[in-house]
Each structure stands twice: as C-alpha cells, then as structure tokens.
Amino acid sequence: MSNPKSRNIHWHAGIVTKNDRETISGHKGCTVWMTGLSGSGKSTLAVALEKKLWERGVRAYVLDGDNIRHGLNKDLGFSPSDRTENIRRIGEVAKLFTDAAVINVTAFISPYRADRDTVRALMPEGDFVEAFIDCPVDVCERRDVKGLYKKARAGEIKEFTGISAPYEPPLNPEVTVRTDRESEEESLNHLLQYLERRGYIPRA
C-alpha cells in the first residue's frame, strides 16, 4: 500500500471504540467480501443477506460493484491497474464500515487474489470474511440477462473477466457457496450459518 502524498496529515483516533459500537449494536462488525464471476449471484445474494440481517436487527449495508462505479469509482475502467485501484478504494470504505460495527456486504468480481489479500491486510484478524460465490463460467453465461458475455465474445467489451481477462478464485475462502448447485435460499442459509457459528451475529 502506497503512502499518502501529503506529509502534513495525522491519524486522529476517536474515544468510542469498535467494541463500544458492537456492544450497542448487539453484533460484531465485519466485511463479507463476495467474489465471483459476473452472473455468479453476488449481487442477488448480497441484497438478500442484507435483508435477512436487517430482519434480525443486525445493522448491514451492501456495497455493490456497479453502484460504486456510478460514484466513488466512476473515473476507473477495467484495465488491471484500474481494477486494482477500484478494489483498493472499496477496501478502505469497507474498513470504515466494519469499524462502525456494520456487517458490510460487498459484491465485486475482484478477480485478483493479490487485491483481495490487500483488503484483508487492511483489517484486524477476523474482520474480513472472503465468500467465494462459485459458479462455472458457462452457467454464468447462460444466466446473463445483461448480455455482457455475448458482447465480450463479440469483442465489444474488452478485458471482460472470465472471457478476455483472468479470474483467480480464492485458495482458502472463509465460506464457499455453489450457486450452480444450490438454490438462493440454500446459499443464503450457508452464509448466515457461517456468521452465526463464528459469533458475528446471534443465533436465530
């Protein structure tokens, strides 16, 4: 991680701690980092997980890849360097949400292991939960309601992950769901059960 350009800045620590915020909230804060190919089900699961958590009184928020590129990262494309910067910025935002004792659910392809590992290194041990939304590219392509894979195959979209750009699956994710084999409800339950078992949220 590069150092700030300015040398005249200082980190200001607050009096209220993450533990204080978690005590008030009644649950821990963490980042559930969903990674997987386009069409694997990341956004669908992220929104469903947020809703389930809110129904249980858990403060949660979704950071979605397309949504972030409408604002914070609208200046970035899809070159390898822009993808890395996209994830770096999101990692910093996710770190803030986690410190605020929010269950922060991200839905980004985030194709490079090194970039995901960089985000993990930003946070204390246990605050980063890598969730691999595993789905073969042919299944993702069949689901493609946006027509992105078709455009990528035709050469209309350059550097498209899974077609003309690489995807590096996680080697040791905290949790894996197989959306080609499971229903949305089954995948969602796997995620919720992991959060329960690890003590991030109270058991239902």
Protein backbone atom coordinates (compact mmCIF):
# COMPACT_ATOMS: atom_id res chain seq x y z
CA MET A 1 0.00 0.00 0.00
CA SER A 2 1.49 3.36 -1.03
CA ASN A 3 1.95 6.19 1.45
CA PRO A 4 -0.21 9.34 1.28
CA LYS A 5 1.14 12.08 -0.98
CA SER A 6 0.74 14.68 1.73
CA ARG A 7 3.19 14.61 4.62
CA ASN A 8 1.18 17.08 6.72
CA ILE A 9 -1.61 14.76 7.85
CA HIS A 10 -2.06 12.84 11.08
CA TRP A 11 -4.35 9.99 12.10
CA HIS A 12 -6.87 11.06 14.76
CA ALA A 13 -8.12 8.24 16.96
CA GLY A 14 -11.60 8.53 18.45
CA ILE A 15 -12.68 7.81 22.02
CA VAL A 16 -15.50 5.46 21.03
CA THR A 17 -14.05 2.08 20.04
CA LYS A 18 -15.25 -0.63 17.69
CA ASN A 19 -16.01 -2.77 20.74
CA ASP A 20 -18.18 0.04 22.13
CA ARG A 21 -20.14 0.20 18.90
CA GLU A 22 -20.51 -3.59 18.76
CA THR A 23 -21.84 -3.62 22.31
CA ILE A 24 -24.53 -1.08 21.40
CA SER A 25 -25.37 -2.95 18.17
CA GLY A 26 -25.51 -6.40 19.75
CA HIS A 27 -23.39 -7.95 17.00
CA LYS A 28 -19.90 -7.72 15.55
CA GLY A 29 -18.85 -5.67 12.57
CA CYS A 30 -17.17 -7.37 9.64
CA THR A 31 -16.80 -7.28 5.87
CA VAL A 32 -18.35 -10.17 3.96
CA TRP A 33 -16.38 -9.89 0.72
CA MET A 34 -18.28 -11.72 -2.03
CA THR A 35 -16.12 -12.57 -5.01
CA GLY A 36 -17.02 -14.45 -8.17
CA LEU A 37 -17.67 -14.15 -11.88
CA SER A 38 -20.24 -11.83 -13.39
CA GLY A 39 -23.56 -13.66 -13.18
CA SER A 40 -22.49 -15.92 -10.32
CA GLY A 41 -25.11 -14.41 -8.00
CA LYS A 42 -23.04 -11.99 -5.89
CA SER A 43 -25.41 -9.02 -6.05
CA THR A 44 -28.51 -11.18 -5.59
CA LEU A 45 -27.06 -12.85 -2.51
CA ALA A 46 -25.67 -9.61 -1.10
CA VAL A 47 -29.08 -7.90 -1.23
CA ALA A 48 -30.81 -10.97 0.20
CA LEU A 49 -28.26 -11.25 3.01
CA GLU A 50 -28.66 -7.58 3.89
CA LYS A 51 -32.44 -8.01 4.10
CA LYS A 52 -32.20 -11.12 6.31
CA LEU A 53 -29.75 -9.40 8.63
CA TRP A 54 -31.98 -6.33 8.98
CA GLU A 55 -34.96 -8.56 9.75
CA ARG A 56 -32.90 -9.91 12.66
CA GLY A 57 -31.97 -6.48 13.94
CA VAL A 58 -28.44 -6.54 12.51
CA ARG A 59 -27.05 -3.34 11.00
CA ALA A 60 -25.93 -4.21 7.48
CA TYR A 61 -25.09 -2.41 4.26
CA VAL A 62 -24.34 -3.56 0.70
CA LEU A 63 -21.54 -2.12 -1.39
CA ASP A 64 -22.26 -3.26 -4.96
CA GLY A 65 -19.73 -3.14 -7.78
CA ASP A 66 -21.91 -1.39 -10.36
CA ASN A 67 -23.27 1.09 -7.82
CA ILE A 68 -19.80 2.13 -6.67
CA ARG A 69 -18.74 2.72 -10.26
CA HIS A 70 -21.57 5.25 -10.60
CA GLY A 71 -19.97 7.49 -7.98
CA LEU A 72 -16.80 6.88 -5.98
CA ASN A 73 -15.08 4.96 -8.78
CA LYS A 74 -16.69 6.46 -11.87
CA ASP A 75 -13.26 7.55 -13.08
CA LEU A 76 -12.00 3.95 -13.31
CA GLY A 77 -12.20 1.49 -16.20
CA PHE A 78 -11.42 -2.22 -16.28
CA SER A 79 -7.71 -2.34 -17.01
CA PRO A 80 -5.66 -4.35 -14.49
CA SER A 81 -4.42 -1.16 -12.82
CA ASP A 82 -7.93 0.33 -12.65
CA ARG A 83 -9.32 -2.92 -11.21
CA THR A 84 -6.65 -2.81 -8.52
CA GLU A 85 -7.43 0.81 -7.65
CA ASN A 86 -11.16 0.02 -7.65
CA ILE A 87 -10.65 -2.68 -5.03
CA ARG A 88 -8.18 -0.57 -3.02
CA ARG A 89 -10.73 2.23 -2.64
CA ILE A 90 -13.52 -0.18 -1.77
CA GLY A 91 -11.28 -1.87 0.77
CA GLU A 92 -10.76 1.45 2.56
CA VAL A 93 -14.52 2.12 2.59
CA ALA A 94 -15.23 -1.42 3.79
CA LYS A 95 -12.72 -0.96 6.60
CA LEU A 96 -14.63 2.11 7.80
CA PHE A 97 -17.99 0.32 7.71
CA THR A 98 -16.50 -2.59 9.65
CA ASP A 99 -15.02 -0.28 12.26
CA ALA A 100 -18.51 1.25 12.61
CA ALA A 101 -19.76 -2.23 13.67
CA VAL A 102 -21.73 -2.77 10.47
CA ILE A 103 -21.96 -6.10 8.66
CA ASN A 104 -20.66 -4.74 5.39
CA VAL A 105 -21.53 -6.95 2.40
CA THR A 106 -19.56 -6.29 -0.77
CA ALA A 107 -20.36 -7.68 -4.22
CA PHE A 108 -17.38 -7.24 -6.55
CA ILE A 109 -15.83 -9.58 -9.08
CA SER A 110 -12.44 -8.59 -7.59
CA PRO A 111 -10.64 -11.05 -9.89
CA TYR A 112 -7.12 -10.84 -8.46
CA ARG A 113 -6.07 -12.67 -5.29
CA ALA A 114 -3.42 -10.07 -4.52
CA ASP A 115 -6.02 -7.30 -4.45
CA ARG A 116 -8.33 -9.27 -2.14
CA ASP A 117 -5.38 -10.10 0.11
CA THR A 118 -4.52 -6.39 0.24
CA VAL A 119 -8.01 -5.62 1.53
CA ARG A 120 -7.77 -8.44 4.08
CA ALA A 121 -4.48 -6.97 5.34
CA LEU A 122 -6.18 -3.62 5.98
CA MET A 123 -8.35 -5.13 8.71
CA PRO A 124 -7.71 -6.86 12.03
CA GLU A 125 -7.81 -10.65 12.06
CA GLY A 126 -11.38 -11.90 11.70
CA ASP A 127 -12.87 -8.70 10.27
CA PHE A 128 -12.57 -9.88 6.64
CA VAL A 129 -14.74 -12.80 5.54
CA GLU A 130 -14.00 -13.92 1.99
CA ALA A 131 -17.09 -15.53 0.48
CA PHE A 132 -16.47 -17.31 -2.81
CA ILE A 133 -19.63 -17.28 -4.93
CA ASP A 134 -18.58 -20.23 -7.04
CA CYS A 135 -20.27 -20.78 -10.38
CA PRO A 136 -18.81 -22.09 -13.67
CA VAL A 137 -18.46 -19.56 -16.45
CA ASP A 138 -20.81 -21.48 -18.77
CA VAL A 139 -23.60 -21.29 -16.18
CA CYS A 140 -22.93 -17.59 -15.60
CA GLU A 141 -23.09 -17.04 -19.34
CA ARG A 142 -26.46 -18.79 -19.61
CA ARG A 143 -27.84 -16.56 -16.85
CA ASP A 144 -26.52 -13.36 -18.41
CA VAL A 145 -29.58 -11.10 -18.54
CA LYS A 146 -27.42 -8.04 -19.33
CA GLY A 147 -25.92 -9.63 -22.43
CA LEU A 148 -22.40 -8.86 -21.23
CA TYR A 149 -20.90 -12.23 -22.09
CA LYS A 150 -22.34 -12.05 -25.60
CA LYS A 151 -20.77 -8.63 -26.09
CA ALA A 152 -17.47 -9.88 -24.67
CA ARG A 153 -17.48 -12.87 -27.03
CA ALA A 154 -18.11 -10.48 -29.92
CA GLY A 155 -15.19 -8.30 -28.85
CA GLU A 156 -17.45 -5.37 -27.93
CA ILE A 157 -16.32 -5.43 -24.28
CA LYS A 158 -12.58 -5.60 -23.70
CA GLU A 159 -10.93 -7.15 -20.63
CA PHE A 160 -14.07 -8.99 -19.53
CA THR A 161 -13.41 -11.32 -16.61
CA GLY A 162 -13.75 -14.98 -17.49
CA ILE A 163 -13.57 -14.35 -21.24
CA SER A 164 -10.73 -11.98 -22.12
CA ALA A 165 -9.40 -11.26 -18.62
CA PRO A 166 -8.46 -13.72 -15.87
CA TYR A 167 -10.30 -14.62 -12.69
CA GLU A 168 -8.22 -16.01 -9.81
CA PRO A 169 -10.50 -17.97 -7.46
CA PRO A 170 -9.80 -17.84 -3.72
CA LEU A 171 -7.49 -20.52 -2.38
CA ASN A 172 -8.77 -20.53 1.20
CA PRO A 173 -12.03 -18.58 1.45
CA GLU A 174 -13.85 -18.49 4.78
CA VAL A 175 -17.02 -19.69 3.09
CA THR A 176 -17.93 -21.04 -0.36
CA VAL A 177 -21.38 -21.34 -1.90
CA ARG A 178 -22.10 -23.15 -5.17
CA THR A 179 -24.84 -21.20 -6.85
CA ASP A 180 -24.96 -23.63 -9.77
CA ARG A 181 -25.95 -26.44 -7.37
CA GLU A 182 -27.82 -24.61 -4.61
CA SER A 183 -30.96 -22.52 -4.53
CA GLU A 184 -30.69 -18.90 -3.48
CA GLU A 185 -32.19 -19.82 -0.10
CA GLU A 186 -29.64 -22.60 0.45
CA SER A 187 -26.71 -20.33 -0.39
CA LEU A 188 -28.12 -17.61 1.83
CA ASN A 189 -28.51 -20.04 4.73
CA HIS A 190 -24.89 -21.16 4.36
CA LEU A 191 -23.75 -17.55 4.69
CA LEU A 192 -25.99 -16.86 7.69
CA GLN A 193 -24.91 -20.08 9.40
CA TYR A 194 -21.26 -19.17 8.97
CA LEU A 195 -21.84 -15.76 10.57
CA GLU A 196 -23.67 -17.45 13.45
CA ARG A 197 -21.05 -20.15 14.03
CA ARG A 198 -18.24 -17.58 14.12
CA GLY A 199 -20.12 -15.33 16.51
CA TYR A 200 -20.56 -12.33 14.23
CA ILE A 201 -24.31 -12.38 14.76
CA PRO A 202 -26.55 -14.00 17.43
CA ARG A 203 -28.10 -17.32 16.51
CA ALA A 204 -31.65 -17.06 15.23
